[in-house]
């Protein structure tokens, strides 16, 4: 199975994130940062969001509950940078709130 597209990192792999992971795993390398989730087959668990542990070109999907996002900023701040695309499926979290966490690099 060829993965020509950049890998996807799901922050949260519960019901919504898990459904996205299942849909993408046949076409992309899918990573997930969610210490409590049972990951779908083919999804690789990531235990650390440290920049050196992840590929440079990466699509990051924020799939956590809004109240969880507000407790994670220290973990997320290092993800921003060149070659990274961020998508959010979090209800009620504004772009301004995400920009505050990720800074001007995102």
C-alpha atoms as a PDB file:
ATOM      1  CA  UNK A   1       0.000   0.000   0.000  1.00  0.00           C
ATOM      2  CA  UNK A   2       1.583   3.275  -1.144  1.00  0.00           C
ATOM      3  CA  UNK A   3       1.211   6.416   0.901  1.00  0.00           C
ATOM      4  CA  UNK A   4       2.025   9.249  -1.502  1.00  0.00           C
ATOM      5  CA  UNK A   5       0.188  11.844   0.577  1.00  0.00           C
ATOM      6  CA  UNK A   6       1.638  13.383   3.755  1.00  0.00           C
ATOM      7  CA  UNK A   7       0.865  11.492   6.949  1.00  0.00           C
ATOM      8  CA  UNK A   8      -2.080  12.495   9.103  1.00  0.00           C
ATOM      9  CA  UNK A   9      -1.824  13.018  12.846  1.00  0.00           C
ATOM     10  CA  UNK A  10      -5.087  12.832  14.734  1.00  0.00           C
ATOM     11  CA  UNK A  11      -5.093  14.606  18.074  1.00  0.00           C
ATOM     12  CA  UNK A  12      -7.875  12.559  19.626  1.00  0.00           C
ATOM     13  CA  UNK A  13      -9.088   9.263  18.220  1.00  0.00           C
ATOM     14  CA  UNK A  14     -12.461   8.767  19.878  1.00  0.00           C
ATOM     15  CA  UNK A  15     -15.681   8.369  17.903  1.00  0.00           C
ATOM     16  CA  UNK A  16     -15.140  11.173  15.403  1.00  0.00           C
ATOM     17  CA  UNK A  17     -11.354  10.868  15.174  1.00  0.00           C
ATOM     18  CA  UNK A  18     -11.608   7.082  14.972  1.00  0.00           C
ATOM     19  CA  UNK A  19     -14.105   7.313  12.118  1.00  0.00           C
ATOM     20  CA  UNK A  20     -11.760   9.650  10.236  1.00  0.00           C
ATOM     21  CA  UNK A  21      -8.815   7.323  10.886  1.00  0.00           C
ATOM     22  CA  UNK A  22     -10.703   4.305   9.531  1.00  0.00           C
ATOM     23  CA  UNK A  23     -11.634   6.235   6.396  1.00  0.00           C
ATOM     24  CA  UNK A  24      -8.056   7.424   5.737  1.00  0.00           C
ATOM     25  CA  UNK A  25      -5.867   4.504   6.772  1.00  0.00           C
ATOM     26  CA  UNK A  26      -6.005   2.778   3.378  1.00  0.00           C
ATOM     27  CA  UNK A  27      -4.737   5.927   1.612  1.00  0.00           C
ATOM     28  CA  UNK A  28      -2.427   7.538   4.161  1.00  0.00           C
ATOM     29  CA  UNK A  29      -0.100   6.808   7.014  1.00  0.00           C
ATOM     30  CA  UNK A  30      -2.283   7.687  10.023  1.00  0.00           C
ATOM     31  CA  UNK A  31      -0.838   8.524  13.438  1.00  0.00           C
ATOM     32  CA  UNK A  32      -2.907   9.178  16.551  1.00  0.00           C
ATOM     33  CA  UNK A  33      -2.157  10.952  19.807  1.00  0.00           C
ATOM     34  CA  UNK A  34      -4.744   9.688  22.270  1.00  0.00           C
ATOM     35  CA  UNK A  35      -3.464   7.759  25.268  1.00  0.00           C
ATOM     36  CA  UNK A  36      -6.888   6.333  26.137  1.00  0.00           C
ATOM     37  CA  UNK A  37      -8.331   5.332  22.759  1.00  0.00           C
ATOM     38  CA  UNK A  38      -8.446   1.880  21.232  1.00  0.00           C
ATOM     39  CA  UNK A  39      -7.040   2.708  17.817  1.00  0.00           C
ATOM     40  CA  UNK A  40      -8.425   1.311  14.568  1.00  0.00           C
ATOM     41  CA  UNK A  41      -6.324  -1.276  12.729  1.00  0.00           C
ATOM     42  CA  UNK A  42      -3.449   0.272  10.830  1.00  0.00           C
ATOM     43  CA  UNK A  43      -3.271   3.454  12.940  1.00  0.00           C
ATOM     44  CA  UNK A  44       0.047   4.088  14.686  1.00  0.00           C
ATOM     45  CA  UNK A  45      -0.035   5.415  18.253  1.00  0.00           C
ATOM     46  CA  UNK A  46       2.133   8.458  19.025  1.00  0.00           C
ATOM     47  CA  UNK A  47       3.113   8.858  22.672  1.00  0.00           C
ATOM     48  CA  UNK A  48       4.806  12.249  22.323  1.00  0.00           C
ATOM     49  CA  UNK A  49       4.104  15.355  20.269  1.00  0.00           C
ATOM     50  CA  UNK A  50       7.736  16.427  20.342  1.00  0.00           C
ATOM     51  CA  UNK A  51       8.726  17.782  16.939  1.00  0.00           C
ATOM     52  CA  UNK A  52      11.580  15.293  16.473  1.00  0.00           C
ATOM     53  CA  UNK A  53       9.169  12.363  16.829  1.00  0.00           C
ATOM     54  CA  UNK A  54       6.967  13.412  13.897  1.00  0.00           C
ATOM     55  CA  UNK A  55       7.465  13.922  10.158  1.00  0.00           C
ATOM     56  CA  UNK A  56       7.924  17.517   8.957  1.00  0.00           C
ATOM     57  CA  UNK A  57       5.188  17.339   6.324  1.00  0.00           C
ATOM     58  CA  UNK A  58       2.080  16.501   8.289  1.00  0.00           C
ATOM     59  CA  UNK A  59      -1.651  17.130   8.334  1.00  0.00           C
ATOM     60  CA  UNK A  60      -2.822  17.596  11.925  1.00  0.00           C
ATOM     61  CA  UNK A  61      -6.504  17.009  12.659  1.00  0.00           C
ATOM     62  CA  UNK A  62      -7.738  18.315  15.991  1.00  0.00           C
ATOM     63  CA  UNK A  63     -10.448  15.872  17.033  1.00  0.00           C
ATOM     64  CA  UNK A  64     -10.738  16.382  20.786  1.00  0.00           C
ATOM     65  CA  UNK A  65     -13.530  17.822  22.848  1.00  0.00           C
ATOM     66  CA  UNK A  66     -13.217  21.616  23.210  1.00  0.00           C
ATOM     67  CA  UNK A  67     -12.705  21.346  26.978  1.00  0.00           C
ATOM     68  CA  UNK A  68      -9.836  18.893  26.385  1.00  0.00           C
ATOM     69  CA  UNK A  69      -8.211  21.248  23.854  1.00  0.00           C
ATOM     70  CA  UNK A  70      -8.070  23.967  26.500  1.00  0.00           C
ATOM     71  CA  UNK A  71      -5.997  21.709  28.785  1.00  0.00           C
ATOM     72  CA  UNK A  72      -3.466  20.692  26.095  1.00  0.00           C
ATOM     73  CA  UNK A  73      -1.678  23.883  24.953  1.00  0.00           C
ATOM     74  CA  UNK A  74       1.774  22.904  26.207  1.00  0.00           C
ATOM     75  CA  UNK A  75       1.575  19.633  24.269  1.00  0.00           C
ATOM     76  CA  UNK A  76       0.330  21.285  21.082  1.00  0.00           C
ATOM     77  CA  UNK A  77       2.498  24.406  20.865  1.00  0.00           C
ATOM     78  CA  UNK A  78       5.465  22.606  19.280  1.00  0.00           C
ATOM     79  CA  UNK A  79       3.422  21.185  16.390  1.00  0.00           C
ATOM     80  CA  UNK A  80       3.226  24.388  14.362  1.00  0.00           C
ATOM     81  CA  UNK A  81       5.676  24.995  11.585  1.00  0.00           C
ATOM     82  CA  UNK A  82       6.488  24.884   7.910  1.00  0.00           C
ATOM     83  CA  UNK A  83       4.874  22.013   6.021  1.00  0.00           C
ATOM     84  CA  UNK A  84       2.097  21.444   8.554  1.00  0.00           C
ATOM     85  CA  UNK A  85      -1.600  21.796   7.786  1.00  0.00           C
ATOM     86  CA  UNK A  86      -4.092  22.039  10.653  1.00  0.00           C
ATOM     87  CA  UNK A  87      -7.738  21.025  10.460  1.00  0.00           C
ATOM     88  CA  UNK A  88     -10.211  21.172  13.313  1.00  0.00           C
ATOM     89  CA  UNK A  89     -13.467  19.356  13.913  1.00  0.00           C
ATOM     90  CA  UNK A  90     -13.810  20.878  17.390  1.00  0.00           C
ATOM     91  CA  UNK A  91     -17.120  22.628  17.958  1.00  0.00           C
ATOM     92  CA  UNK A  92     -16.942  26.120  19.419  1.00  0.00           C
ATOM     93  CA  UNK A  93     -13.156  26.588  19.290  1.00  0.00           C
ATOM     94  CA  UNK A  94     -12.355  29.721  17.308  1.00  0.00           C
ATOM     95  CA  UNK A  95      -9.429  30.369  15.002  1.00  0.00           C
ATOM     96  CA  UNK A  96      -8.258  33.011  17.470  1.00  0.00           C
ATOM     97  CA  UNK A  97      -8.135  30.414  20.265  1.00  0.00           C
ATOM     98  CA  UNK A  98      -6.186  28.005  18.064  1.00  0.00           C
ATOM     99  CA  UNK A  99      -3.807  30.773  16.925  1.00  0.00           C
ATOM    100  CA  UNK A 100      -3.115  31.612  20.555  1.00  0.00           C
ATOM    101  CA  UNK A 101      -2.040  28.010  21.177  1.00  0.00           C
ATOM    102  CA  UNK A 102      -0.064  27.470  17.967  1.00  0.00           C
ATOM    103  CA  UNK A 103       1.280  30.984  17.478  1.00  0.00           C
ATOM    104  CA  UNK A 104       2.031  32.750  14.218  1.00  0.00           C
ATOM    105  CA  UNK A 105       3.839  29.729  12.745  1.00  0.00           C
ATOM    106  CA  UNK A 106       0.555  27.840  12.259  1.00  0.00           C
END
